[in-house]
């Protein structure tokens, strides 16, 4: 007896390929949406910090972290800054330094959620950024771009995200402007590296 073998027709194969293509397209589109959502949250966080810092300055006539009379104007438990007009400390790496006190003062003022008594490096930071790094500190210095100004430090940022941020809101150069890389060499960000990035407020 002759056995009859039947394979897939071209129409059936085409339908399967179309279905696979649609599934892959949906997955890739979903990943792009997730990535765009993370990036938008990063930009929104930076805008929020900028607004909170300058709302504080407008309300109290001093920068958060630097406020010399925080214990009388904010809360008796608030630590005072030195009132010299700049937020000292750079990295939030020493308990009670002004770069760590920024978050405490914003919290005492009701502009930021969280525990206002947290002033040490391990617990003073606001929260993780969307890429697994941290928003470390707000401080005054000339790091990264050579200009002495108030900046926020983001640590452990993916290089490709830093480049996108710089391209979209600044000049695209990793060593100049409002967005700049801390340390390293070259005008571009290494897309495969995790970097410390300063953003001017």
N, C-alpha and C. Protein backbone atom coordinates (compact mmCIF):
# COMPACT_ATOMS: atom_id res chain seq x y z
N UNK A 1 0.84 -1.20 0.00
CA UNK A 1 0.00 0.00 0.00
C UNK A 1 0.87 1.25 0.00
N UNK A 2 0.45 2.17 -0.83
CA UNK A 2 1.17 3.45 -0.84
C UNK A 2 0.65 4.34 0.29
N UNK A 3 1.61 4.83 1.16
CA UNK A 3 1.19 5.76 2.21
C UNK A 3 1.30 7.19 1.67
N UNK A 4 0.30 7.96 1.94
CA UNK A 4 0.24 9.32 1.44
C UNK A 4 0.75 10.29 2.52
N UNK A 5 1.77 11.05 2.22
CA UNK A 5 2.30 12.02 3.17
C UNK A 5 1.82 13.41 2.79
N UNK A 6 1.44 14.14 3.81
CA UNK A 6 0.94 15.49 3.55
C UNK A 6 1.75 16.49 4.35
N UNK A 7 2.31 17.49 3.69
CA UNK A 7 3.07 18.54 4.36
C UNK A 7 2.25 19.80 4.51
N UNK A 8 2.90 20.87 5.03
CA UNK A 8 2.23 22.16 5.15
C UNK A 8 2.17 22.82 3.79
N UNK A 9 1.09 23.47 3.54
CA UNK A 9 0.97 24.23 2.30
C UNK A 9 1.68 25.57 2.47
N UNK A 10 1.97 26.23 1.38
CA UNK A 10 2.60 27.55 1.43
C UNK A 10 1.73 28.54 2.19
N UNK A 11 0.44 28.43 2.05
CA UNK A 11 -0.48 29.33 2.75
C UNK A 11 -0.38 29.13 4.26
N UNK A 12 -0.33 27.88 4.70
CA UNK A 12 -0.21 27.59 6.14
C UNK A 12 1.12 28.11 6.69
N UNK A 13 2.21 27.90 5.96
CA UNK A 13 3.52 28.39 6.40
C UNK A 13 3.50 29.91 6.47
N UNK A 14 2.90 30.55 5.50
CA UNK A 14 2.83 32.02 5.49
C UNK A 14 2.05 32.53 6.70
N UNK A 15 0.95 31.85 7.03
CA UNK A 15 0.16 32.27 8.19
C UNK A 15 0.96 32.14 9.47
N UNK A 16 1.71 31.03 9.62
CA UNK A 16 2.54 30.83 10.81
C UNK A 16 3.60 31.91 10.91
N UNK A 17 4.24 32.24 9.77
CA UNK A 17 5.28 33.27 9.78
C UNK A 17 4.70 34.64 10.13
N UNK A 18 3.50 34.93 9.64
CA UNK A 18 2.86 36.20 9.99
C UNK A 18 2.58 36.26 11.49
N UNK A 19 2.09 35.16 12.05
CA UNK A 19 1.79 35.12 13.48
C UNK A 19 3.06 35.31 14.30
N UNK A 20 4.15 34.62 13.91
CA UNK A 20 5.43 34.77 14.61
C UNK A 20 5.92 36.21 14.52
N UNK A 21 5.79 36.79 13.34
CA UNK A 21 6.20 38.18 13.17
C UNK A 21 5.42 39.13 14.05
N UNK A 22 4.12 38.91 14.14
CA UNK A 22 3.28 39.76 15.00
C UNK A 22 3.67 39.62 16.47
N UNK A 23 3.95 38.37 16.89
CA UNK A 23 4.36 38.15 18.29
C UNK A 23 5.68 38.84 18.59
N UNK A 24 6.66 38.68 17.68
CA UNK A 24 7.96 39.33 17.88
C UNK A 24 7.82 40.84 17.89
N UNK A 25 7.01 41.34 16.96
CA UNK A 25 6.78 42.79 16.92
C UNK A 25 6.16 43.31 18.19
N UNK A 26 5.22 42.54 18.74
CA UNK A 26 4.58 42.93 20.00
C UNK A 26 5.55 42.94 21.16
N UNK A 27 6.44 41.94 21.21
CA UNK A 27 7.44 41.87 22.28
C UNK A 27 8.40 43.04 22.19
N UNK A 28 8.90 43.30 20.97
CA UNK A 28 9.85 44.40 20.79
C UNK A 28 9.20 45.74 21.09
N UNK A 29 7.95 45.90 20.67
CA UNK A 29 7.23 47.15 20.95
C UNK A 29 7.03 47.32 22.45
N UNK A 30 6.72 46.22 23.13
CA UNK A 30 6.55 46.27 24.58
C UNK A 30 7.83 46.67 25.28
N UNK A 31 8.97 46.13 24.82
CA UNK A 31 10.26 46.49 25.42
C UNK A 31 10.57 47.96 25.19
N UNK A 32 10.27 48.46 23.99
CA UNK A 32 10.50 49.87 23.69
C UNK A 32 9.63 50.76 24.58
N UNK A 33 8.40 50.33 24.82
CA UNK A 33 7.51 51.11 25.68
C UNK A 33 8.01 51.13 27.11
N UNK A 34 8.51 49.99 27.59
CA UNK A 34 9.05 49.93 28.95
C UNK A 34 10.26 50.84 29.07
N UNK A 35 11.15 50.79 28.08
CA UNK A 35 12.35 51.63 28.10
C UNK A 35 11.99 53.11 28.07
N UNK A 36 11.03 53.48 27.23
CA UNK A 36 10.60 54.87 27.17
C UNK A 36 9.95 55.32 28.48
N UNK A 37 9.24 54.42 29.13
CA UNK A 37 8.62 54.73 30.41
C UNK A 37 9.69 54.99 31.48
N UNK A 38 10.73 54.17 31.49
CA UNK A 38 11.82 54.36 32.46
C UNK A 38 12.52 55.70 32.21
N UNK A 39 12.76 55.99 30.95
CA UNK A 39 13.45 57.24 30.61
C UNK A 39 12.61 58.45 30.99
N UNK A 40 11.31 58.38 30.72
CA UNK A 40 10.42 59.49 31.08
C UNK A 40 10.38 59.69 32.58
N UNK A 41 10.44 58.60 33.35
CA UNK A 41 10.47 58.73 34.81
C UNK A 41 11.76 59.42 35.26
N UNK A 42 12.88 59.08 34.62
CA UNK A 42 14.15 59.73 34.95
C UNK A 42 14.06 61.23 34.73
N UNK A 43 13.57 61.64 33.57
CA UNK A 43 13.44 63.06 33.26
C UNK A 43 12.47 63.74 34.24
N UNK A 44 11.37 63.06 34.55
CA UNK A 44 10.40 63.62 35.50
C UNK A 44 11.01 63.77 36.89
N UNK A 45 11.82 62.80 37.31
CA UNK A 45 12.49 62.89 38.61
C UNK A 45 13.39 64.11 38.67
N UNK A 46 14.18 64.31 37.62
CA UNK A 46 15.10 65.45 37.58
C UNK A 46 14.34 66.77 37.61
N UNK A 47 13.25 66.85 36.86
CA UNK A 47 12.43 68.07 36.88
C UNK A 47 11.83 68.30 38.26
N UNK A 48 11.43 67.20 38.91
CA UNK A 48 10.84 67.30 40.24
C UNK A 48 11.86 67.80 41.26
N UNK A 49 13.07 67.26 41.23
CA UNK A 49 14.11 67.71 42.16
C UNK A 49 14.42 69.20 41.94
N UNK A 50 14.52 69.59 40.69
CA UNK A 50 14.81 70.99 40.37
C UNK A 50 13.72 71.89 40.95
N UNK A 51 12.47 71.50 40.74
CA UNK A 51 11.35 72.29 41.25
C UNK A 51 11.37 72.36 42.77
N UNK A 52 11.61 71.24 43.42
CA UNK A 52 11.60 71.20 44.89
C UNK A 52 12.71 72.07 45.48
N UNK A 53 13.90 71.99 44.91
CA UNK A 53 15.03 72.79 45.42
C UNK A 53 14.72 74.27 45.30
N UNK A 54 14.21 74.70 44.16
CA UNK A 54 13.97 76.13 43.97
C UNK A 54 12.70 76.61 44.67
N UNK A 55 11.73 75.73 44.89
CA UNK A 55 10.59 76.09 45.73
C UNK A 55 11.06 76.34 47.15
N UNK A 56 11.95 75.47 47.63
CA UNK A 56 12.50 75.63 48.98
C UNK A 56 13.23 76.97 49.08
N UNK A 57 14.09 77.24 48.10
CA UNK A 57 14.87 78.49 48.13
C UNK A 57 13.95 79.71 48.08
N UNK A 58 12.90 79.63 47.29
CA UNK A 58 11.96 80.74 47.20
C UNK A 58 11.21 80.94 48.51
N UNK A 59 10.85 79.84 49.16
CA UNK A 59 10.08 79.92 50.40
C UNK A 59 10.92 80.36 51.59
N UNK A 60 12.15 79.84 51.69
CA UNK A 60 12.95 80.08 52.89
C UNK A 60 14.14 81.00 52.68
N UNK A 61 14.42 81.39 51.45
CA UNK A 61 15.54 82.29 51.20
C UNK A 61 16.89 81.63 51.39
N UNK A 62 16.93 80.32 51.31
CA UNK A 62 18.20 79.58 51.47
C UNK A 62 18.11 78.28 50.68
N UNK A 63 19.26 77.75 50.35
CA UNK A 63 19.27 76.45 49.67
C UNK A 63 19.08 75.33 50.67
N UNK A 64 18.33 74.29 50.32
CA UNK A 64 18.23 73.13 51.23
C UNK A 64 19.62 72.54 51.42
N UNK A 65 19.90 72.13 52.63
CA UNK A 65 21.23 71.61 52.96
C UNK A 65 22.13 72.69 53.52
N UNK A 66 22.04 73.89 52.98
CA UNK A 66 22.89 75.01 53.40
C UNK A 66 22.20 75.90 54.44
N UNK A 67 20.93 75.70 54.67
CA UNK A 67 20.14 76.59 55.53
C UNK A 67 20.71 76.64 56.95
N UNK A 68 21.12 77.82 57.37
CA UNK A 68 21.81 77.97 58.65
C UNK A 68 20.86 77.92 59.85
N UNK A 69 19.58 78.20 59.65
CA UNK A 69 18.61 78.20 60.76
C UNK A 69 17.52 77.15 60.55
N UNK A 70 17.88 76.02 59.98
CA UNK A 70 16.90 74.96 59.73
C UNK A 70 16.25 74.47 61.01
N UNK A 71 17.00 74.46 62.10
CA UNK A 71 16.46 73.93 63.36
C UNK A 71 15.38 74.84 63.95
N UNK A 72 15.36 76.11 63.56
CA UNK A 72 14.32 77.01 64.06
C UNK A 72 13.21 77.22 63.02
N UNK A 73 13.52 77.15 61.74
CA UNK A 73 12.52 77.40 60.71
C UNK A 73 11.84 76.15 60.19
N UNK A 74 12.52 75.01 60.25
CA UNK A 74 11.93 73.77 59.74
C UNK A 74 11.45 72.86 60.85
N UNK A 75 12.38 72.48 61.73
CA UNK A 75 12.06 71.55 62.81
C UNK A 75 13.24 71.57 63.78
N UNK A 76 12.94 71.45 65.05
CA UNK A 76 14.01 71.48 66.06
C UNK A 76 15.03 70.38 65.85
N UNK A 77 14.60 69.28 65.23
CA UNK A 77 15.51 68.16 65.01
C UNK A 77 16.34 68.31 63.74
N UNK A 78 16.05 69.33 62.93
CA UNK A 78 16.76 69.50 61.67
C UNK A 78 18.18 69.99 61.91
N UNK A 79 19.12 69.42 61.19
CA UNK A 79 20.52 69.85 61.28
C UNK A 79 20.71 71.11 60.43
N UNK A 80 21.52 72.03 60.90
CA UNK A 80 21.77 73.28 60.20
C UNK A 80 22.93 73.16 59.23
N UNK A 81 22.84 73.90 58.12
CA UNK A 81 23.97 74.07 57.22
C UNK A 81 24.78 75.26 57.69
N UNK A 82 25.77 75.68 56.90
CA UNK A 82 26.61 76.80 57.34
C UNK A 82 26.18 78.14 56.74
N UNK A 83 25.20 78.13 55.85
CA UNK A 83 24.65 79.37 55.32
C UNK A 83 25.57 80.17 54.43
N UNK A 84 26.53 79.52 53.78
CA UNK A 84 27.47 80.27 52.93
C UNK A 84 26.99 80.43 51.49
N UNK A 85 25.77 79.96 51.19
CA UNK A 85 25.22 80.15 49.85
C UNK A 85 25.52 79.03 48.88
N UNK A 86 26.23 78.01 49.33
CA UNK A 86 26.48 76.86 48.47
C UNK A 86 26.28 75.59 49.28
N UNK A 87 25.97 74.50 48.59
CA UNK A 87 25.75 73.21 49.26
C UNK A 87 27.06 72.44 49.18
N UNK A 88 27.72 72.31 50.32
CA UNK A 88 29.04 71.70 50.36
C UNK A 88 28.98 70.18 50.49
N UNK A 89 30.05 69.53 50.05
CA UNK A 89 30.18 68.10 50.29
C UNK A 89 30.35 67.25 49.05
N UNK A 90 29.83 67.67 47.91
CA UNK A 90 29.98 66.86 46.70
C UNK A 90 29.14 65.60 46.77
N UNK A 91 29.77 64.49 47.10
CA UNK A 91 29.07 63.23 47.27
C UNK A 91 28.45 63.21 48.67
N UNK A 92 27.37 62.54 48.80
CA UNK A 92 26.79 62.33 50.13
C UNK A 92 27.55 61.17 50.76
N UNK A 93 28.72 61.47 51.34
CA UNK A 93 29.58 60.40 51.85
C UNK A 93 29.98 60.58 53.31
N UNK A 94 29.40 61.55 53.98
CA UNK A 94 29.72 61.77 55.38
C UNK A 94 28.45 62.22 56.11
N UNK A 95 28.12 61.56 57.19
CA UNK A 95 26.87 61.85 57.91
C UNK A 95 26.77 63.32 58.27
N UNK A 96 25.67 63.94 57.91
CA UNK A 96 25.41 65.31 58.30
C UNK A 96 25.99 66.38 57.39
N UNK A 97 26.78 66.00 56.37
CA UNK A 97 27.29 67.05 55.49
C UNK A 97 26.16 67.63 54.65
N UNK A 98 26.35 68.82 54.14
CA UNK A 98 25.27 69.53 53.47
C UNK A 98 24.70 68.77 52.27
N UNK A 99 25.55 68.06 51.54
CA UNK A 99 25.07 67.29 50.38
C UNK A 99 24.06 66.21 50.81
N UNK A 100 24.18 65.72 52.05
CA UNK A 100 23.20 64.77 52.58
C UNK A 100 22.00 65.50 53.20
N UNK A 101 22.25 66.69 53.77
CA UNK A 101 21.18 67.44 54.45
C UNK A 101 20.13 67.96 53.48
N UNK A 102 20.47 68.09 52.20
CA UNK A 102 19.50 68.59 51.21
C UNK A 102 18.20 67.80 51.31
N UNK A 103 18.33 66.47 51.30
CA UNK A 103 17.13 65.63 51.32
C UNK A 103 16.35 65.81 52.62
N UNK A 104 17.07 65.92 53.73
CA UNK A 104 16.43 66.12 55.04
C UNK A 104 15.64 67.43 55.06
N UNK A 105 16.25 68.51 54.59
CA UNK A 105 15.58 69.81 54.60
C UNK A 105 14.35 69.81 53.70
N UNK A 106 14.46 69.16 52.53
CA UNK A 106 13.30 69.08 51.63
C UNK A 106 12.16 68.29 52.28
N UNK A 107 12.54 67.26 53.02
CA UNK A 107 11.52 66.44 53.69
C UNK A 107 10.87 67.20 54.85
N UNK A 108 11.67 67.90 55.65
CA UNK A 108 11.10 68.70 56.73
C UNK A 108 10.17 69.78 56.18
N UNK A 109 10.48 70.29 54.99
CA UNK A 109 9.66 71.33 54.38
C UNK A 109 8.41 70.77 53.73
N UNK A 110 8.27 69.45 53.71
CA UNK A 110 7.10 68.82 53.11
C UNK A 110 7.15 68.77 51.58
N UNK A 111 8.31 68.97 51.01
CA UNK A 111 8.44 68.97 49.55
C UNK A 111 8.86 67.62 49.00
N UNK A 112 9.26 66.73 49.89
CA UNK A 112 9.75 65.42 49.47
C UNK A 112 9.33 64.40 50.52
N UNK A 113 8.92 63.22 50.07
CA UNK A 113 8.53 62.17 51.01
C UNK A 113 9.74 61.49 51.62
N UNK A 114 9.52 60.81 52.72
CA UNK A 114 10.59 60.05 53.36
C UNK A 114 10.90 60.55 54.76
N UNK A 115 11.86 59.90 55.39
CA UNK A 115 12.24 60.19 56.77
C UNK A 115 13.20 61.39 56.81
N UNK A 116 12.79 62.52 57.39
CA UNK A 116 13.67 63.69 57.42
C UNK A 116 14.86 63.54 58.36
N UNK A 117 14.82 62.56 59.25
CA UNK A 117 15.95 62.38 60.18
C UNK A 117 17.09 61.60 59.52
N UNK A 118 16.88 61.12 58.31
CA UNK A 118 17.92 60.35 57.62
C UNK A 118 18.95 61.31 57.03
N UNK A 119 20.14 61.34 57.62
CA UNK A 119 21.17 62.28 57.15
C UNK A 119 22.52 61.60 56.92
N UNK A 120 22.57 60.28 56.99
CA UNK A 120 23.83 59.59 56.74
C UNK A 120 23.85 59.05 55.32
N UNK A 121 25.03 58.75 54.77
CA UNK A 121 25.11 58.30 53.38
C UNK A 121 24.25 57.09 53.05
N UNK A 122 24.08 56.18 54.01
CA UNK A 122 23.35 54.96 53.71
C UNK A 122 21.84 55.15 53.62
N UNK A 123 21.31 56.19 54.26
CA UNK A 123 19.85 56.32 54.26
C UNK A 123 19.35 57.69 53.86
N UNK A 124 20.23 58.63 53.54
CA UNK A 124 19.79 59.98 53.21
C UNK A 124 19.29 60.10 51.78
N UNK A 125 19.75 59.25 50.91
CA UNK A 125 19.40 59.38 49.49
C UNK A 125 17.91 59.20 49.27
N UNK A 126 17.41 59.82 48.21
CA UNK A 126 15.97 59.83 47.99
C UNK A 126 15.45 58.45 47.64
N UNK A 127 15.84 57.93 46.52
CA UNK A 127 15.41 56.61 46.08
C UNK A 127 16.22 56.22 44.86
N UNK A 128 16.06 54.99 44.46
CA UNK A 128 16.77 54.52 43.28
C UNK A 128 16.26 55.21 42.04
N UNK A 129 17.18 55.43 41.10
CA UNK A 129 16.72 55.92 39.80
C UNK A 129 16.17 54.73 39.00
N UNK A 130 15.51 54.97 37.89
CA UNK A 130 14.85 53.86 37.17
C UNK A 130 15.78 52.82 36.59
N UNK A 131 17.08 53.06 36.65
CA UNK A 131 18.04 52.14 36.02
C UNK A 131 18.90 51.41 37.04
N UNK A 132 18.46 51.37 38.29
CA UNK A 132 19.17 50.61 39.30
C UNK A 132 20.27 51.36 40.01
N UNK A 133 20.51 52.60 39.63
CA UNK A 133 21.48 53.43 40.33
C UNK A 133 20.76 54.26 41.38
N UNK A 134 21.43 55.29 41.89
CA UNK A 134 20.81 56.14 42.91
C UNK A 134 20.97 57.61 42.56
N UNK A 135 20.02 58.40 43.05
CA UNK A 135 20.19 59.84 43.09
C UNK A 135 20.96 60.09 44.38
N UNK A 136 22.21 60.48 44.27
CA UNK A 136 23.08 60.52 45.44
C UNK A 136 22.98 61.83 46.21
N UNK A 137 23.23 62.93 45.54
CA UNK A 137 23.31 64.19 46.28
C UNK A 137 22.99 65.38 45.39
N UNK A 138 22.66 66.48 46.05
CA UNK A 138 22.60 67.79 45.40
C UNK A 138 23.68 68.61 46.08
N UNK A 139 24.56 69.20 45.29
CA UNK A 139 25.67 69.95 45.88
C UNK A 139 26.20 70.97 44.88
N UNK A 140 27.00 71.91 45.39
CA UNK A 140 27.59 72.96 44.57
C UNK A 140 29.04 72.61 44.28
N UNK A 141 29.41 72.59 43.01
CA UNK A 141 30.79 72.30 42.64
C UNK A 141 31.01 72.43 41.16
N UNK A 142 32.26 72.22 40.75
CA UNK A 142 32.60 72.35 39.33
C UNK A 142 32.87 70.99 38.68
N UNK A 143 32.38 69.94 39.30
CA UNK A 143 32.62 68.60 38.79
C UNK A 143 32.05 68.42 37.39
N UNK A 144 32.69 67.60 36.64
CA UNK A 144 32.24 67.12 35.33
C UNK A 144 32.31 68.17 34.22
N UNK A 145 31.68 69.33 34.40
CA UNK A 145 31.66 70.30 33.30
C UNK A 145 32.53 71.53 33.55
N UNK A 146 33.20 71.60 34.71
CA UNK A 146 34.10 72.72 34.99
C UNK A 146 33.41 74.00 35.45
N UNK A 147 32.09 73.99 35.57
CA UNK A 147 31.35 75.17 36.01
C UNK A 147 30.88 74.97 37.44
N UNK A 148 31.16 75.95 38.31
CA UNK A 148 30.71 75.87 39.69
C UNK A 148 29.24 76.25 39.76
N UNK A 149 28.39 75.28 40.09
CA UNK A 149 26.95 75.49 40.11
C UNK A 149 26.31 74.37 40.90
N UNK A 150 25.03 74.51 41.17
CA UNK A 150 24.27 73.49 41.89
C UNK A 150 23.95 72.34 40.95
N UNK A 151 24.27 71.11 41.38
CA UNK A 151 24.09 69.94 40.52
C UNK A 151 23.54 68.77 41.32
N UNK A 152 22.88 67.88 40.59
CA UNK A 152 22.48 66.62 41.20
C UNK A 152 23.35 65.51 40.63
N UNK A 153 23.77 64.62 41.49
CA UNK A 153 24.62 63.51 41.08
C UNK A 153 23.79 62.24 40.97
N UNK A 154 23.85 61.62 39.80
CA UNK A 154 23.22 60.32 39.58
C UNK A 154 24.35 59.30 39.45
N UNK A 155 24.28 58.24 40.22
CA UNK A 155 25.33 57.22 40.17
C UNK A 155 24.82 55.94 39.53
N UNK A 156 25.76 55.24 38.90
CA UNK A 156 25.48 53.94 38.28
C UNK A 156 24.46 54.05 37.14
N UNK A 157 24.64 55.09 36.31
CA UNK A 157 23.74 55.30 35.17
C UNK A 157 24.29 54.58 33.94
N UNK A 158 23.44 53.88 33.17
CA UNK A 158 23.89 53.28 31.92
C UNK A 158 24.37 54.37 30.95
N UNK A 159 25.51 54.11 30.30
CA UNK A 159 26.08 55.10 29.40
C UNK A 159 25.17 55.49 28.25
N UNK A 160 24.42 54.53 27.71
CA UNK A 160 23.54 54.85 26.59
C UNK A 160 22.40 55.77 27.01
N UNK A 161 21.93 55.61 28.26
CA UNK A 161 20.87 56.48 28.77
C UNK A 161 21.42 57.88 29.02
N UNK A 162 22.63 57.95 29.58
CA UNK A 162 23.27 59.25 29.81
C UNK A 162 23.46 60.00 28.48
N UNK A 163 23.86 59.27 27.44
CA UNK A 163 24.03 59.89 26.13
C UNK A 163 22.70 60.40 25.59
N UNK A 164 21.66 59.61 25.75
CA UNK A 164 20.33 60.04 25.29
C UNK A 164 19.88 61.30 26.02
N UNK A 165 20.06 61.31 27.35
CA UNK A 165 19.68 62.47 28.15
C UNK A 165 20.44 63.71 27.70
N UNK A 166 21.75 63.55 27.51
CA UNK A 166 22.59 64.66 27.08
C UNK A 166 22.19 65.14 25.69
N UNK A 167 21.92 64.22 24.78
CA UNK A 167 21.50 64.58 23.42
C UNK A 167 20.19 65.34 23.42
N UNK A 168 19.25 64.93 24.26
CA UNK A 168 17.90 65.50 24.22
C UNK A 168 17.74 66.80 24.99
N UNK A 169 18.47 66.95 26.10
CA UNK A 169 18.26 68.18 26.89
C UNK A 169 19.49 69.08 26.95
N UNK A 170 20.59 68.64 26.30
CA UNK A 170 21.81 69.43 26.38
C UNK A 170 22.54 69.40 25.04
N UNK A 171 23.87 69.41 25.09
CA UNK A 171 24.67 69.54 23.88
C UNK A 171 25.23 68.22 23.35
N UNK A 172 24.93 67.10 24.02
CA UNK A 172 25.42 65.80 23.57
C UNK A 172 26.87 65.52 23.90
N UNK A 173 27.54 66.46 24.53
CA UNK A 173 28.96 66.30 24.88
C UNK A 173 29.07 65.89 26.34
N UNK A 174 29.79 64.81 26.60
CA UNK A 174 29.88 64.25 27.96
C UNK A 174 30.72 65.09 28.91
N UNK A 175 31.39 66.12 28.41
CA UNK A 175 32.29 66.91 29.27
C UNK A 175 31.87 68.37 29.41
N UNK A 176 30.78 68.77 28.75
CA UNK A 176 30.35 70.16 28.82
C UNK A 176 28.84 70.24 29.02
N UNK A 177 28.37 71.44 29.36
CA UNK A 177 26.94 71.70 29.41
C UNK A 177 26.25 71.27 30.68
N UNK A 178 24.92 71.11 30.58
CA UNK A 178 24.07 70.83 31.73
C UNK A 178 24.15 69.38 32.21
N UNK A 179 24.47 68.49 31.32
CA UNK A 179 24.61 67.07 31.64
C UNK A 179 26.04 66.68 31.33
N UNK A 180 26.77 66.14 32.31
CA UNK A 180 28.18 65.80 32.07
C UNK A 180 28.61 64.61 32.92
N UNK A 181 29.50 63.83 32.36
CA UNK A 181 30.01 62.63 33.03
C UNK A 181 31.09 63.01 34.03
N UNK A 182 31.10 62.33 35.17
CA UNK A 182 32.16 62.51 36.15
C UNK A 182 33.27 61.52 35.85
N UNK A 183 34.46 62.03 35.61
CA UNK A 183 35.64 61.25 35.26
C UNK A 183 35.48 60.59 33.89
N UNK A 184 36.46 59.83 33.48
CA UNK A 184 36.44 59.24 32.16
C UNK A 184 36.98 60.22 31.13
N UNK A 185 37.08 59.76 29.89
CA UNK A 185 37.63 60.60 28.83
C UNK A 185 36.76 60.53 27.60
N UNK A 186 36.86 61.57 26.78
CA UNK A 186 36.13 61.60 25.52
C UNK A 186 34.83 62.36 25.61
N UNK A 187 34.36 62.82 24.47
CA UNK A 187 33.16 63.65 24.41
C UNK A 187 31.87 62.83 24.41
N UNK A 188 31.97 61.52 24.27
CA UNK A 188 30.78 60.68 24.26
C UNK A 188 30.80 59.74 25.47
N UNK A 189 29.63 59.19 25.76
CA UNK A 189 29.48 58.25 26.87
C UNK A 189 29.66 56.83 26.36
N UNK A 190 30.37 56.02 27.12
CA UNK A 190 30.50 54.61 26.76
C UNK A 190 29.14 53.95 26.97
N UNK A 191 28.50 53.46 25.90
CA UNK A 191 27.14 52.92 26.04
C UNK A 191 27.06 51.67 26.89
N UNK A 192 28.19 51.00 27.10
CA UNK A 192 28.18 49.75 27.86
C UNK A 192 28.67 49.92 29.30
N UNK A 193 28.99 51.15 29.69
CA UNK A 193 29.53 51.40 31.03
C UNK A 193 28.44 51.91 31.96
N UNK A 194 28.71 51.78 33.25
CA UNK A 194 27.88 52.39 34.29
C UNK A 194 28.63 53.60 34.80
N UNK A 195 28.00 54.76 34.79
CA UNK A 195 28.71 56.03 34.99
C UNK A 195 28.08 56.86 36.10
N UNK A 196 28.88 57.78 36.63
CA UNK A 196 28.37 58.84 37.49
C UNK A 196 28.16 60.06 36.62
N UNK A 197 26.97 60.64 36.70
CA UNK A 197 26.61 61.74 35.82
C UNK A 197 26.05 62.89 36.67
N UNK A 198 26.57 64.10 36.42
CA UNK A 198 26.05 65.29 37.08
C UNK A 198 25.09 66.02 36.15
N UNK A 199 23.98 66.51 36.69
CA UNK A 199 23.02 67.30 35.93
C UNK A 199 22.83 68.62 36.65
N UNK A 200 23.03 69.71 35.93
CA UNK A 200 22.89 71.04 36.54
C UNK A 200 21.45 71.33 36.91
N UNK A 201 21.27 71.91 38.09
CA UNK A 201 19.93 72.31 38.50
C UNK A 201 19.74 73.81 38.24
